[in-house]
Amino acid sequence: MMEILKKFRAVVFAAIALFLYLFGYRQAKETAEKEQLEGENNANKIAKKARDSLSDSERVNRLHNKYKR
């Protein structure tokens, strides 16, 4: 009887450990995906800001005059 209880307790602890491991893995994966999306959104914002600043006609004329041949 004691052997059965020890085995049952070991199985229960193993199941709990597996559940916690899988839950932590899923949560870490979601966090990594979220950080990746935030990084891409941030890069898109920076690129948009850079494109918008280049479309300023005064800036374009200044750069054109600076680098014209």
N, C-alpha and C. Protein backbone atom coordinates (compact mmCIF):
# COMPACT_ATOMS: atom_id res chain seq x y z
N MET A 1 0.82 -1.20 0.00
CA MET A 1 0.00 0.00 0.00
C MET A 1 0.86 1.26 0.00
N MET A 2 1.93 1.24 0.78
CA MET A 2 2.80 2.41 0.86
C MET A 2 3.52 2.64 -0.47
N GLU A 3 3.85 1.56 -1.15
CA GLU A 3 4.52 1.70 -2.44
C GLU A 3 3.60 2.37 -3.44
N ILE A 4 2.34 2.00 -3.41
CA ILE A 4 1.36 2.60 -4.33
C ILE A 4 1.23 4.09 -4.03
N LEU A 5 1.17 4.48 -2.77
CA LEU A 5 1.06 5.89 -2.40
C LEU A 5 2.31 6.66 -2.81
N LYS A 6 3.47 6.05 -2.64
CA LYS A 6 4.71 6.72 -3.05
C LYS A 6 4.75 6.92 -4.55
N LYS A 7 4.33 5.91 -5.31
CA LYS A 7 4.29 6.03 -6.77
C LYS A 7 3.27 7.08 -7.19
N PHE A 8 2.11 7.06 -6.53
CA PHE A 8 1.07 8.05 -6.85
C PHE A 8 1.56 9.46 -6.57
N ARG A 9 2.23 9.64 -5.44
CA ARG A 9 2.75 10.95 -5.08
C ARG A 9 3.82 11.39 -6.09
N ALA A 10 4.65 10.47 -6.52
CA ALA A 10 5.68 10.80 -7.52
C ALA A 10 5.03 11.19 -8.84
N VAL A 11 3.98 10.50 -9.24
CA VAL A 11 3.28 10.82 -10.49
C VAL A 11 2.61 12.19 -10.38
N VAL A 12 2.01 12.49 -9.24
CA VAL A 12 1.36 13.78 -9.05
C VAL A 12 2.39 14.91 -9.10
N PHE A 13 3.50 14.75 -8.43
CA PHE A 13 4.54 15.78 -8.47
C PHE A 13 5.12 15.94 -9.86
N ALA A 14 5.27 14.84 -10.58
CA ALA A 14 5.77 14.92 -11.96
C ALA A 14 4.78 15.64 -12.85
N ALA A 15 3.50 15.38 -12.67
CA ALA A 15 2.47 16.05 -13.46
C ALA A 15 2.44 17.55 -13.17
N ILE A 16 2.57 17.90 -11.90
CA ILE A 16 2.58 19.33 -11.53
C ILE A 16 3.82 20.01 -12.11
N ALA A 17 4.96 19.34 -12.02
CA ALA A 17 6.20 19.91 -12.57
C ALA A 17 6.09 20.08 -14.08
N LEU A 18 5.53 19.10 -14.77
CA LEU A 18 5.35 19.19 -16.22
C LEU A 18 4.41 20.33 -16.58
N PHE A 19 3.31 20.46 -15.83
CA PHE A 19 2.37 21.55 -16.09
C PHE A 19 3.04 22.91 -15.91
N LEU A 20 3.78 23.06 -14.83
CA LEU A 20 4.45 24.34 -14.59
C LEU A 20 5.50 24.63 -15.65
N TYR A 21 6.22 23.60 -16.08
CA TYR A 21 7.23 23.77 -17.13
C TYR A 21 6.57 24.21 -18.44
N LEU A 22 5.51 23.53 -18.83
CA LEU A 22 4.83 23.87 -20.09
C LEU A 22 4.19 25.25 -20.01
N PHE A 23 3.60 25.58 -18.88
CA PHE A 23 3.00 26.90 -18.72
C PHE A 23 4.05 27.99 -18.80
N GLY A 24 5.19 27.79 -18.15
CA GLY A 24 6.28 28.76 -18.20
C GLY A 24 6.84 28.89 -19.61
N TYR A 25 6.96 27.78 -20.32
CA TYR A 25 7.46 27.81 -21.70
C TYR A 25 6.52 28.60 -22.59
N ARG A 26 5.23 28.35 -22.47
CA ARG A 26 4.24 29.07 -23.28
C ARG A 26 4.26 30.56 -22.97
N GLN A 27 4.34 30.89 -21.69
CA GLN A 27 4.36 32.29 -21.29
C GLN A 27 5.63 32.98 -21.79
N ALA A 28 6.75 32.31 -21.72
CA ALA A 28 8.01 32.89 -22.21
C ALA A 28 7.95 33.08 -23.72
N LYS A 29 7.35 32.13 -24.42
CA LYS A 29 7.22 32.24 -25.87
C LYS A 29 6.34 33.43 -26.25
N GLU A 30 5.23 33.60 -25.55
CA GLU A 30 4.35 34.73 -25.81
C GLU A 30 5.06 36.06 -25.52
N THR A 31 5.83 36.11 -24.46
CA THR A 31 6.56 37.33 -24.11
C THR A 31 7.60 37.65 -25.18
N ALA A 32 8.29 36.63 -25.68
CA ALA A 32 9.29 36.85 -26.72
C ALA A 32 8.64 37.35 -28.01
N GLU A 33 7.50 36.78 -28.36
CA GLU A 33 6.79 37.23 -29.56
C GLU A 33 6.31 38.67 -29.40
N LYS A 34 5.83 39.00 -28.21
CA LYS A 34 5.36 40.36 -27.95
C LYS A 34 6.50 41.36 -28.06
N GLU A 35 7.66 41.01 -27.50
CA GLU A 35 8.82 41.91 -27.59
C GLU A 35 9.29 42.06 -29.03
N GLN A 36 9.21 40.98 -29.81
CA GLN A 36 9.58 41.05 -31.23
C GLN A 36 8.67 42.01 -31.97
N LEU A 37 7.36 41.90 -31.73
CA LEU A 37 6.41 42.80 -32.39
C LEU A 37 6.63 44.25 -31.96
N GLU A 38 6.90 44.48 -30.69
CA GLU A 38 7.16 45.84 -30.22
C GLU A 38 8.41 46.40 -30.88
N GLY A 39 9.43 45.58 -31.04
CA GLY A 39 10.66 46.01 -31.70
C GLY A 39 10.41 46.36 -33.16
N GLU A 40 9.61 45.54 -33.84
CA GLU A 40 9.30 45.83 -35.24
C GLU A 40 8.48 47.10 -35.36
N ASN A 41 7.52 47.29 -34.46
CA ASN A 41 6.71 48.51 -34.49
C ASN A 41 7.57 49.73 -34.23
N ASN A 42 8.51 49.62 -33.30
CA ASN A 42 9.41 50.72 -32.99
C ASN A 42 10.28 51.04 -34.20
N ALA A 43 10.79 49.99 -34.87
CA ALA A 43 11.61 50.20 -36.06
C ALA A 43 10.80 50.86 -37.16
N ASN A 44 9.54 50.46 -37.31
CA ASN A 44 8.68 51.07 -38.32
C ASN A 44 8.44 52.54 -38.02
N LYS A 45 8.25 52.87 -36.75
CA LYS A 45 8.04 54.27 -36.38
C LYS A 45 9.29 55.10 -36.68
N ILE A 46 10.46 54.56 -36.36
CA ILE A 46 11.71 55.28 -36.62
C ILE A 46 11.91 55.48 -38.12
N ALA A 47 11.63 54.43 -38.90
CA ALA A 47 11.78 54.53 -40.36
C ALA A 47 10.80 55.54 -40.94
N LYS A 48 9.57 55.56 -40.42
CA LYS A 48 8.57 56.52 -40.92
C LYS A 48 9.01 57.94 -40.59
N LYS A 49 9.54 58.12 -39.38
CA LYS A 49 10.00 59.45 -38.99
C LYS A 49 11.16 59.90 -39.89
N ALA A 50 12.05 58.97 -40.22
CA ALA A 50 13.18 59.31 -41.09
C ALA A 50 12.70 59.65 -42.49
N ARG A 51 11.74 58.88 -43.01
CA ARG A 51 11.20 59.18 -44.35
C ARG A 51 10.48 60.52 -44.36
N ASP A 52 9.72 60.79 -43.31
CA ASP A 52 9.00 62.06 -43.25
C ASP A 52 9.96 63.24 -43.17
N SER A 53 11.05 63.08 -42.46
CA SER A 53 11.98 64.20 -42.33
C SER A 53 12.71 64.45 -43.66
N LEU A 54 12.88 63.40 -44.46
CA LEU A 54 13.54 63.59 -45.75
C LEU A 54 12.62 64.26 -46.77
N SER A 55 11.32 64.19 -46.55
CA SER A 55 10.41 64.78 -47.52
C SER A 55 10.27 66.29 -47.34
N ASP A 56 10.85 66.83 -46.30
CA ASP A 56 10.83 68.26 -46.07
C ASP A 56 11.61 68.94 -47.21
N SER A 57 10.94 69.82 -47.96
CA SER A 57 11.56 70.40 -49.15
C SER A 57 12.79 71.25 -48.81
N GLU A 58 12.76 71.95 -47.71
CA GLU A 58 13.91 72.77 -47.32
C GLU A 58 15.13 71.88 -47.06
N ARG A 59 14.91 70.79 -46.40
CA ARG A 59 16.01 69.86 -46.12
C ARG A 59 16.54 69.25 -47.41
N VAL A 60 15.64 68.87 -48.32
CA VAL A 60 16.05 68.28 -49.59
C VAL A 60 16.89 69.29 -50.38
N ASN A 61 16.45 70.54 -50.43
CA ASN A 61 17.20 71.57 -51.14
C ASN A 61 18.58 71.80 -50.51
N ARG A 62 18.64 71.80 -49.20
CA ARG A 62 19.91 71.99 -48.52
C ARG A 62 20.86 70.85 -48.83
N LEU A 63 20.36 69.62 -48.77
CA LEU A 63 21.22 68.47 -49.08
C LEU A 63 21.62 68.48 -50.56
N HIS A 64 20.70 68.89 -51.41
CA HIS A 64 21.01 68.94 -52.84
C HIS A 64 22.13 69.95 -53.12
N ASN A 65 22.02 71.12 -52.50
CA ASN A 65 23.04 72.14 -52.67
C ASN A 65 24.37 71.70 -52.07
N LYS A 66 24.33 70.94 -50.99
CA LYS A 66 25.55 70.50 -50.33
C LYS A 66 26.28 69.46 -51.18
N TYR A 67 25.56 68.57 -51.83
CA TYR A 67 26.19 67.45 -52.52
C TYR A 67 26.12 67.55 -54.04
N LYS A 68 25.70 68.68 -54.59
CA LYS A 68 25.59 68.74 -56.05
C LYS A 68 26.99 68.79 -56.68
N ARG A 69 27.05 68.27 -57.86
CA ARG A 69 28.35 68.17 -58.55
C ARG A 69 28.60 69.39 -59.40
